[in-house]
């Protein structure tokens, strides 16, 4: 069975403009990548785990912020690696510069026998919808399009 992930697209209104919160993946493979590499905070969930609860848990693990409010379920997408991503949008306010992400470990440098820890999200930011579409993983851009249609500007 293909892997499944659940995540949150946090949004806010800044003056008259809608903005979304995205995270940049941490670790050496993403260090020099920018356009098309940002993502909604998300993660895999286990069979039997409620996807929305997993999305909330993952968001909190990756940012230190626990989203709450009226969650809007968006259409699921399938990423290039065949992982299905379920997403909920919710309004919220978070200081992107003060996120605290959990860590993951990998062997680094490769074949060195040394394990090194990296944050799951090494930085985060609020983006206008236009800029977010450029920054986000191309398959996740539909989350932004759907949110824009659902939220009156």
N, C-alpha and C. Protein backbone atom coordinates (compact mmCIF):
# COMPACT_ATOMS: atom_id res chain seq x y z
N UNK A 1 0.84 -1.19 0.00
CA UNK A 1 0.00 0.00 0.00
C UNK A 1 0.88 1.24 0.00
N UNK A 2 0.49 2.24 -0.80
CA UNK A 2 1.25 3.48 -0.88
C UNK A 2 1.23 4.21 0.46
N UNK A 3 2.31 4.90 0.74
CA UNK A 3 2.38 5.66 1.99
C UNK A 3 1.40 6.83 1.95
N UNK A 4 0.94 7.20 3.15
CA UNK A 4 0.02 8.32 3.26
C UNK A 4 0.55 9.32 4.28
N UNK A 5 0.33 10.57 3.97
CA UNK A 5 0.78 11.66 4.81
C UNK A 5 -0.41 12.58 5.08
N UNK A 6 -0.34 13.31 6.18
CA UNK A 6 -1.38 14.28 6.51
C UNK A 6 -0.71 15.56 6.96
N UNK A 7 -1.27 16.69 6.53
CA UNK A 7 -0.66 17.96 6.87
C UNK A 7 -1.67 19.09 6.98
N UNK A 8 -1.14 20.23 7.40
CA UNK A 8 -1.95 21.43 7.64
C UNK A 8 -1.42 22.57 6.77
N UNK A 9 -2.35 23.24 6.09
CA UNK A 9 -2.04 24.49 5.39
C UNK A 9 -2.59 25.62 6.26
N UNK A 10 -1.70 26.23 7.03
CA UNK A 10 -2.09 27.34 7.91
C UNK A 10 -2.18 28.60 7.05
N UNK A 11 -3.22 29.39 7.28
CA UNK A 11 -3.37 30.62 6.51
C UNK A 11 -3.78 31.76 7.42
N UNK A 12 -3.55 32.97 6.92
CA UNK A 12 -3.94 34.18 7.63
C UNK A 12 -4.23 35.27 6.61
N UNK A 13 -4.91 36.29 7.06
CA UNK A 13 -5.14 37.46 6.23
C UNK A 13 -4.26 38.57 6.77
N UNK A 14 -3.41 39.10 5.92
CA UNK A 14 -2.53 40.21 6.28
C UNK A 14 -2.99 41.40 5.45
N UNK A 15 -3.59 42.37 6.12
CA UNK A 15 -4.28 43.49 5.44
C UNK A 15 -5.38 42.85 4.59
N UNK A 16 -5.32 43.00 3.28
CA UNK A 16 -6.36 42.39 2.42
C UNK A 16 -5.85 41.15 1.70
N UNK A 17 -4.61 40.79 1.96
CA UNK A 17 -3.98 39.68 1.24
C UNK A 17 -3.99 38.40 2.07
N UNK A 18 -4.30 37.29 1.41
CA UNK A 18 -4.24 35.98 2.05
C UNK A 18 -2.81 35.47 1.98
N UNK A 19 -2.30 34.92 3.10
CA UNK A 19 -0.96 34.35 3.15
C UNK A 19 -1.04 32.93 3.69
N UNK A 20 -0.08 32.10 3.27
CA UNK A 20 0.01 30.73 3.77
C UNK A 20 1.38 30.49 4.37
N UNK A 21 1.41 29.57 5.33
CA UNK A 21 2.62 29.23 6.07
C UNK A 21 3.21 27.95 5.46
N UNK A 22 4.49 28.00 5.08
CA UNK A 22 5.17 26.84 4.52
C UNK A 22 6.48 26.60 5.25
N UNK A 23 6.91 25.35 5.25
CA UNK A 23 8.18 24.99 5.86
C UNK A 23 9.16 24.49 4.81
N UNK A 24 10.42 24.74 5.05
CA UNK A 24 11.49 24.25 4.17
C UNK A 24 12.10 23.01 4.81
N UNK A 25 12.17 21.90 4.09
CA UNK A 25 12.71 20.67 4.68
C UNK A 25 14.17 20.82 5.09
N UNK A 26 14.48 20.27 6.25
CA UNK A 26 15.85 20.33 6.75
C UNK A 26 16.67 19.17 6.21
N UNK A 27 17.95 19.24 6.48
CA UNK A 27 18.86 18.18 6.07
C UNK A 27 19.68 18.57 4.87
N UNK A 28 20.74 17.83 4.62
CA UNK A 28 21.69 18.18 3.58
C UNK A 28 21.15 18.08 2.15
N UNK A 29 20.17 17.24 1.90
CA UNK A 29 19.65 17.09 0.54
C UNK A 29 18.87 18.31 0.09
N UNK A 30 18.32 19.08 1.04
CA UNK A 30 17.48 20.23 0.72
C UNK A 30 18.20 21.55 0.96
N UNK A 31 19.40 21.53 1.49
CA UNK A 31 20.08 22.74 1.95
C UNK A 31 20.18 23.83 0.88
N UNK A 32 20.43 23.47 -0.36
CA UNK A 32 20.61 24.47 -1.41
C UNK A 32 19.42 24.57 -2.36
N UNK A 33 18.31 23.93 -1.98
CA UNK A 33 17.12 23.98 -2.83
C UNK A 33 16.12 24.97 -2.24
N UNK A 34 15.45 25.69 -3.12
CA UNK A 34 14.48 26.67 -2.66
C UNK A 34 13.18 26.56 -3.45
N UNK A 35 13.15 27.05 -4.66
CA UNK A 35 11.92 27.05 -5.44
C UNK A 35 11.45 25.62 -5.67
N UNK A 36 10.19 25.37 -5.37
CA UNK A 36 9.61 24.05 -5.56
C UNK A 36 9.93 23.05 -4.47
N UNK A 37 10.62 23.48 -3.42
CA UNK A 37 11.01 22.53 -2.37
C UNK A 37 10.28 22.74 -1.04
N UNK A 38 9.59 23.85 -0.86
CA UNK A 38 8.87 24.12 0.38
C UNK A 38 7.63 23.24 0.44
N UNK A 39 7.07 23.09 1.64
CA UNK A 39 5.96 22.16 1.82
C UNK A 39 5.05 22.60 2.95
N UNK A 40 3.83 22.06 2.95
CA UNK A 40 3.01 22.19 4.14
C UNK A 40 3.66 21.31 5.20
N UNK A 41 3.62 21.69 6.47
CA UNK A 41 4.09 20.77 7.52
C UNK A 41 3.20 19.52 7.51
N UNK A 42 3.82 18.36 7.37
CA UNK A 42 3.07 17.12 7.23
C UNK A 42 3.93 15.94 7.62
N UNK A 43 3.30 14.78 7.72
CA UNK A 43 4.04 13.57 8.00
C UNK A 43 3.17 12.34 7.82
N UNK A 44 3.83 11.20 7.79
CA UNK A 44 3.12 9.93 7.62
C UNK A 44 2.32 9.59 8.86
N UNK A 45 1.26 8.86 8.65
CA UNK A 45 0.46 8.38 9.77
C UNK A 45 0.24 6.89 9.63
N UNK A 46 -0.08 6.27 10.76
CA UNK A 46 -0.22 4.83 10.83
C UNK A 46 -1.65 4.41 10.54
N UNK A 47 -1.82 3.17 10.11
CA UNK A 47 -3.17 2.62 9.94
C UNK A 47 -3.90 2.74 11.26
N UNK A 48 -5.13 3.17 11.21
CA UNK A 48 -5.92 3.32 12.42
C UNK A 48 -5.80 4.69 13.05
N UNK A 49 -4.80 5.49 12.66
CA UNK A 49 -4.67 6.84 13.19
C UNK A 49 -5.54 7.77 12.35
N UNK A 50 -6.28 8.64 13.01
CA UNK A 50 -7.13 9.59 12.29
C UNK A 50 -6.23 10.59 11.55
N UNK A 51 -6.40 10.74 10.23
CA UNK A 51 -5.53 11.64 9.47
C UNK A 51 -5.49 13.08 9.99
N UNK A 52 -6.62 13.65 10.37
CA UNK A 52 -6.60 15.03 10.88
C UNK A 52 -5.80 15.12 12.17
N UNK A 53 -5.95 14.16 13.06
CA UNK A 53 -5.18 14.18 14.31
C UNK A 53 -3.69 14.03 14.02
N UNK A 54 -3.35 13.20 13.03
CA UNK A 54 -1.95 13.05 12.63
C UNK A 54 -1.42 14.36 12.05
N UNK A 55 -2.24 15.04 11.26
CA UNK A 55 -1.83 16.32 10.66
C UNK A 55 -1.53 17.36 11.75
N UNK A 56 -2.40 17.41 12.74
CA UNK A 56 -2.20 18.36 13.86
C UNK A 56 -0.93 18.00 14.62
N UNK A 57 -0.74 16.71 14.91
CA UNK A 57 0.46 16.24 15.62
C UNK A 57 1.72 16.58 14.84
N UNK A 58 1.71 16.28 13.55
CA UNK A 58 2.89 16.55 12.72
C UNK A 58 3.21 18.04 12.66
N UNK A 59 2.18 18.87 12.53
CA UNK A 59 2.40 20.32 12.49
C UNK A 59 3.08 20.78 13.78
N UNK A 60 2.57 20.28 14.90
CA UNK A 60 3.15 20.67 16.19
C UNK A 60 4.58 20.17 16.33
N UNK A 61 4.85 18.93 15.89
CA UNK A 61 6.21 18.39 15.98
C UNK A 61 7.19 19.19 15.13
N UNK A 62 6.74 19.68 13.99
CA UNK A 62 7.63 20.36 13.06
C UNK A 62 7.76 21.86 13.30
N UNK A 63 6.84 22.44 14.10
CA UNK A 63 6.88 23.89 14.30
C UNK A 63 6.86 24.31 15.76
N UNK A 64 6.37 23.44 16.64
CA UNK A 64 6.18 23.83 18.04
C UNK A 64 4.84 24.49 18.29
N UNK A 65 4.01 24.62 17.26
CA UNK A 65 2.70 25.29 17.35
C UNK A 65 1.60 24.27 17.09
N UNK A 66 0.58 24.25 17.95
CA UNK A 66 -0.54 23.32 17.77
C UNK A 66 -1.72 24.08 17.15
N UNK A 67 -2.01 23.83 15.87
CA UNK A 67 -3.13 24.53 15.23
C UNK A 67 -4.47 24.07 15.79
N UNK A 68 -5.41 25.00 15.81
CA UNK A 68 -6.77 24.68 16.24
C UNK A 68 -7.72 25.60 15.49
N UNK A 69 -8.99 25.25 15.53
CA UNK A 69 -9.99 26.07 14.86
C UNK A 69 -10.87 25.24 13.97
N UNK A 70 -11.43 25.89 12.97
CA UNK A 70 -12.32 25.21 12.02
C UNK A 70 -11.49 24.70 10.86
N UNK A 71 -11.19 23.42 10.88
CA UNK A 71 -10.37 22.80 9.85
C UNK A 71 -11.21 22.55 8.59
N UNK A 72 -10.65 22.91 7.44
CA UNK A 72 -11.30 22.72 6.16
C UNK A 72 -10.55 21.62 5.42
N UNK A 73 -11.21 20.51 5.15
CA UNK A 73 -10.54 19.42 4.44
C UNK A 73 -10.42 19.79 2.96
N UNK A 74 -9.20 19.68 2.45
CA UNK A 74 -8.93 19.95 1.04
C UNK A 74 -8.80 18.63 0.29
N UNK A 75 -8.83 18.69 -1.03
CA UNK A 75 -8.70 17.47 -1.83
C UNK A 75 -7.30 16.89 -1.68
N UNK A 76 -7.21 15.59 -1.56
CA UNK A 76 -5.92 14.90 -1.43
C UNK A 76 -5.17 14.96 -2.75
N UNK A 77 -3.86 14.87 -2.65
CA UNK A 77 -3.01 14.85 -3.86
C UNK A 77 -2.10 13.63 -3.80
N UNK A 78 -1.50 13.31 -4.92
CA UNK A 78 -0.52 12.23 -4.98
C UNK A 78 0.80 12.83 -5.44
N UNK A 79 1.83 12.68 -4.62
CA UNK A 79 3.13 13.24 -4.97
C UNK A 79 3.85 12.31 -5.94
N UNK A 80 4.95 12.78 -6.50
CA UNK A 80 5.70 12.01 -7.49
C UNK A 80 6.12 10.64 -6.98
N UNK A 81 6.44 10.53 -5.70
CA UNK A 81 6.86 9.25 -5.13
C UNK A 81 5.68 8.35 -4.79
N UNK A 82 4.50 8.70 -5.27
CA UNK A 82 3.25 7.95 -5.09
C UNK A 82 2.66 8.06 -3.69
N UNK A 83 3.20 8.93 -2.85
CA UNK A 83 2.63 9.14 -1.52
C UNK A 83 1.38 10.00 -1.66
N UNK A 84 0.30 9.60 -0.99
CA UNK A 84 -0.92 10.39 -0.95
C UNK A 84 -0.82 11.36 0.22
N UNK A 85 -1.13 12.63 -0.03
CA UNK A 85 -1.08 13.65 1.01
C UNK A 85 -2.49 14.20 1.22
N UNK A 86 -2.97 14.09 2.46
CA UNK A 86 -4.25 14.64 2.86
C UNK A 86 -3.96 15.95 3.58
N UNK A 87 -4.78 16.97 3.31
CA UNK A 87 -4.48 18.30 3.84
C UNK A 87 -5.74 18.97 4.37
N UNK A 88 -5.56 19.70 5.46
CA UNK A 88 -6.61 20.54 6.03
C UNK A 88 -6.07 21.95 6.12
N UNK A 89 -6.91 22.92 5.80
CA UNK A 89 -6.55 24.32 5.95
C UNK A 89 -7.21 24.84 7.23
N UNK A 90 -6.51 25.72 7.92
CA UNK A 90 -7.05 26.34 9.13
C UNK A 90 -6.39 27.70 9.30
N UNK A 91 -7.17 28.66 9.76
CA UNK A 91 -6.63 29.99 10.03
C UNK A 91 -5.81 29.94 11.31
N UNK A 92 -4.72 30.69 11.34
CA UNK A 92 -3.89 30.73 12.53
C UNK A 92 -2.83 31.79 12.42
N UNK A 93 -2.14 32.01 13.51
CA UNK A 93 -1.07 33.01 13.56
C UNK A 93 0.13 32.38 14.25
N UNK A 94 1.27 32.47 13.62
CA UNK A 94 2.48 31.83 14.11
C UNK A 94 3.67 32.66 13.66
N UNK A 95 4.61 32.89 14.57
CA UNK A 95 5.84 33.60 14.22
C UNK A 95 6.78 32.60 13.54
N UNK A 96 6.94 32.75 12.24
CA UNK A 96 7.74 31.80 11.47
C UNK A 96 9.20 31.76 11.92
N UNK A 97 9.70 32.84 12.47
CA UNK A 97 11.10 32.88 12.91
C UNK A 97 11.34 32.15 14.22
N UNK A 98 10.29 31.78 14.91
CA UNK A 98 10.48 31.15 16.22
C UNK A 98 10.03 29.69 16.25
N UNK A 99 9.93 29.05 15.08
CA UNK A 99 9.52 27.65 15.08
C UNK A 99 10.59 26.78 15.74
N UNK A 100 10.14 25.69 16.33
CA UNK A 100 11.03 24.71 16.94
C UNK A 100 10.64 23.35 16.35
N UNK A 101 11.52 22.80 15.54
CA UNK A 101 11.22 21.55 14.85
C UNK A 101 11.89 20.37 15.54
N UNK A 102 11.22 19.21 15.43
CA UNK A 102 11.85 17.99 15.91
C UNK A 102 12.99 17.63 14.96
N UNK A 103 13.81 16.66 15.35
CA UNK A 103 14.99 16.28 14.59
C UNK A 103 14.85 14.88 14.01
N UNK A 104 15.59 14.62 12.94
CA UNK A 104 15.72 13.26 12.42
C UNK A 104 17.21 12.99 12.24
N UNK A 105 17.58 11.74 12.26
CA UNK A 105 18.99 11.36 12.12
C UNK A 105 19.22 10.59 10.83
N UNK A 106 20.35 10.92 10.17
CA UNK A 106 20.79 10.15 9.01
C UNK A 106 22.31 10.02 9.08
N UNK A 107 22.82 9.06 8.33
CA UNK A 107 24.27 8.93 8.24
C UNK A 107 24.78 10.07 7.36
N UNK A 108 25.65 10.90 7.94
CA UNK A 108 26.18 12.04 7.18
C UNK A 108 27.58 12.36 7.61
N UNK A 109 28.49 12.53 6.68
CA UNK A 109 28.37 12.31 5.25
C UNK A 109 28.07 10.83 4.92
N UNK A 110 27.55 10.59 3.71
CA UNK A 110 27.21 9.21 3.32
C UNK A 110 28.40 8.27 3.47
N UNK A 111 28.12 7.07 3.92
CA UNK A 111 29.11 5.99 4.10
C UNK A 111 30.22 6.35 5.08
N UNK A 112 29.97 7.33 5.96
CA UNK A 112 30.98 7.75 6.94
C UNK A 112 30.85 6.96 8.24
N UNK A 113 29.68 6.33 8.43
CA UNK A 113 29.43 5.64 9.68
C UNK A 113 29.05 6.59 10.81
N UNK A 114 28.94 7.88 10.52
CA UNK A 114 28.59 8.88 11.53
C UNK A 114 27.14 9.32 11.34
N UNK A 115 26.40 9.35 12.44
CA UNK A 115 25.01 9.80 12.40
C UNK A 115 24.96 11.28 12.78
N UNK A 116 24.15 12.03 12.06
CA UNK A 116 24.00 13.45 12.34
C UNK A 116 22.51 13.79 12.38
N UNK A 117 22.13 14.67 13.30
CA UNK A 117 20.74 15.08 13.46
C UNK A 117 20.48 16.40 12.71
N UNK A 118 19.31 16.46 12.07
CA UNK A 118 18.87 17.65 11.34
C UNK A 118 17.42 17.94 11.71
N UNK A 119 17.01 19.22 11.68
CA UNK A 119 15.60 19.53 11.93
C UNK A 119 14.75 19.11 10.73
N UNK A 120 13.52 18.64 11.00
CA UNK A 120 12.64 18.28 9.88
C UNK A 120 12.32 19.50 9.04
N UNK A 121 12.15 20.65 9.69
CA UNK A 121 11.97 21.93 8.99
C UNK A 121 13.08 22.84 9.47
N UNK A 122 13.91 23.33 8.54
CA UNK A 122 15.03 24.18 8.96
C UNK A 122 14.67 25.67 8.95
N UNK A 123 13.59 26.02 8.27
CA UNK A 123 13.09 27.39 8.31
C UNK A 123 11.64 27.38 7.81
N UNK A 124 10.94 28.45 8.14
CA UNK A 124 9.54 28.57 7.74
C UNK A 124 9.26 30.03 7.41
N UNK A 125 8.19 30.25 6.66
CA UNK A 125 7.85 31.62 6.29
C UNK A 125 6.39 31.70 5.86
N UNK A 126 5.87 32.90 5.93
CA UNK A 126 4.56 33.21 5.40
C UNK A 126 4.77 33.74 3.99
N UNK A 127 3.91 33.30 3.05
CA UNK A 127 4.03 33.73 1.66
C UNK A 127 2.67 34.17 1.13
N UNK A 128 2.70 35.15 0.23
CA UNK A 128 1.50 35.47 -0.53
C UNK A 128 1.15 34.22 -1.34
N UNK A 129 -0.09 34.11 -1.79
CA UNK A 129 -0.47 32.93 -2.57
C UNK A 129 0.36 32.82 -3.84
N UNK A 130 0.62 33.95 -4.46
CA UNK A 130 1.42 33.95 -5.69
C UNK A 130 2.83 33.41 -5.44
N UNK A 131 3.50 33.90 -4.40
CA UNK A 131 4.85 33.44 -4.10
C UNK A 131 4.84 32.00 -3.60
N UNK A 132 3.82 31.63 -2.83
CA UNK A 132 3.72 30.26 -2.31
C UNK A 132 3.65 29.26 -3.45
N UNK A 133 2.98 29.59 -4.51
CA UNK A 133 2.87 28.67 -5.66
C UNK A 133 4.23 28.41 -6.30
N UNK A 134 5.14 29.36 -6.20
CA UNK A 134 6.49 29.22 -6.75
C UNK A 134 7.37 28.41 -5.79
N UNK A 135 7.17 28.61 -4.50
CA UNK A 135 8.02 27.99 -3.48
C UNK A 135 7.63 26.53 -3.18
N UNK A 136 6.34 26.21 -3.24
CA UNK A 136 5.85 24.91 -2.77
C UNK A 136 6.13 23.79 -3.78
N UNK A 137 6.24 22.58 -3.25
CA UNK A 137 6.33 21.38 -4.08
C UNK A 137 5.20 21.45 -5.11
N UNK A 138 5.51 21.24 -6.38
CA UNK A 138 4.53 21.47 -7.44
C UNK A 138 3.23 20.70 -7.25
N UNK A 139 3.28 19.52 -6.72
CA UNK A 139 2.06 18.72 -6.52
C UNK A 139 1.18 19.30 -5.41
N UNK A 140 1.78 20.02 -4.47
CA UNK A 140 1.02 20.59 -3.36
C UNK A 140 0.40 21.95 -3.71
N UNK A 141 0.74 22.51 -4.86
CA UNK A 141 0.21 23.81 -5.25
C UNK A 141 -1.32 23.80 -5.34
N UNK A 142 -1.90 22.65 -5.62
CA UNK A 142 -3.36 22.57 -5.71
C UNK A 142 -4.03 22.87 -4.37
N UNK A 143 -3.32 22.65 -3.25
CA UNK A 143 -3.87 23.01 -1.94
C UNK A 143 -4.10 24.52 -1.87
N UNK A 144 -3.15 25.28 -2.39
CA UNK A 144 -3.25 26.74 -2.39
C UNK A 144 -4.39 27.18 -3.30
N UNK A 145 -4.48 26.57 -4.48
CA UNK A 145 -5.55 26.92 -5.43
C UNK A 145 -6.92 26.66 -4.80
N UNK A 146 -7.06 25.51 -4.15
CA UNK A 146 -8.35 25.17 -3.55
C UNK A 146 -8.68 26.11 -2.39
N UNK A 147 -7.69 26.42 -1.56
CA UNK A 147 -7.91 27.35 -0.45
C UNK A 147 -8.37 28.70 -0.99
N UNK A 148 -7.73 29.19 -2.02
CA UNK A 148 -8.08 30.49 -2.59
C UNK A 148 -9.54 30.51 -3.06
N UNK A 149 -10.02 29.42 -3.64
CA UNK A 149 -11.40 29.34 -4.10
C UNK A 149 -12.38 29.30 -2.93
N UNK A 150 -11.96 28.70 -1.80
CA UNK A 150 -12.85 28.54 -0.66
C UNK A 150 -12.94 29.77 0.24
N UNK A 151 -11.88 30.55 0.25
CA UNK A 151 -11.81 31.71 1.14
C UNK A 151 -12.06 32.98 0.32
N UNK A 152 -13.03 33.74 0.69
CA UNK A 152 -13.30 35.00 -0.01
C UNK A 152 -12.17 35.97 0.24
N UNK A 153 -11.71 36.57 -0.82
CA UNK A 153 -10.65 37.58 -0.66
C UNK A 153 -11.25 38.95 -0.70
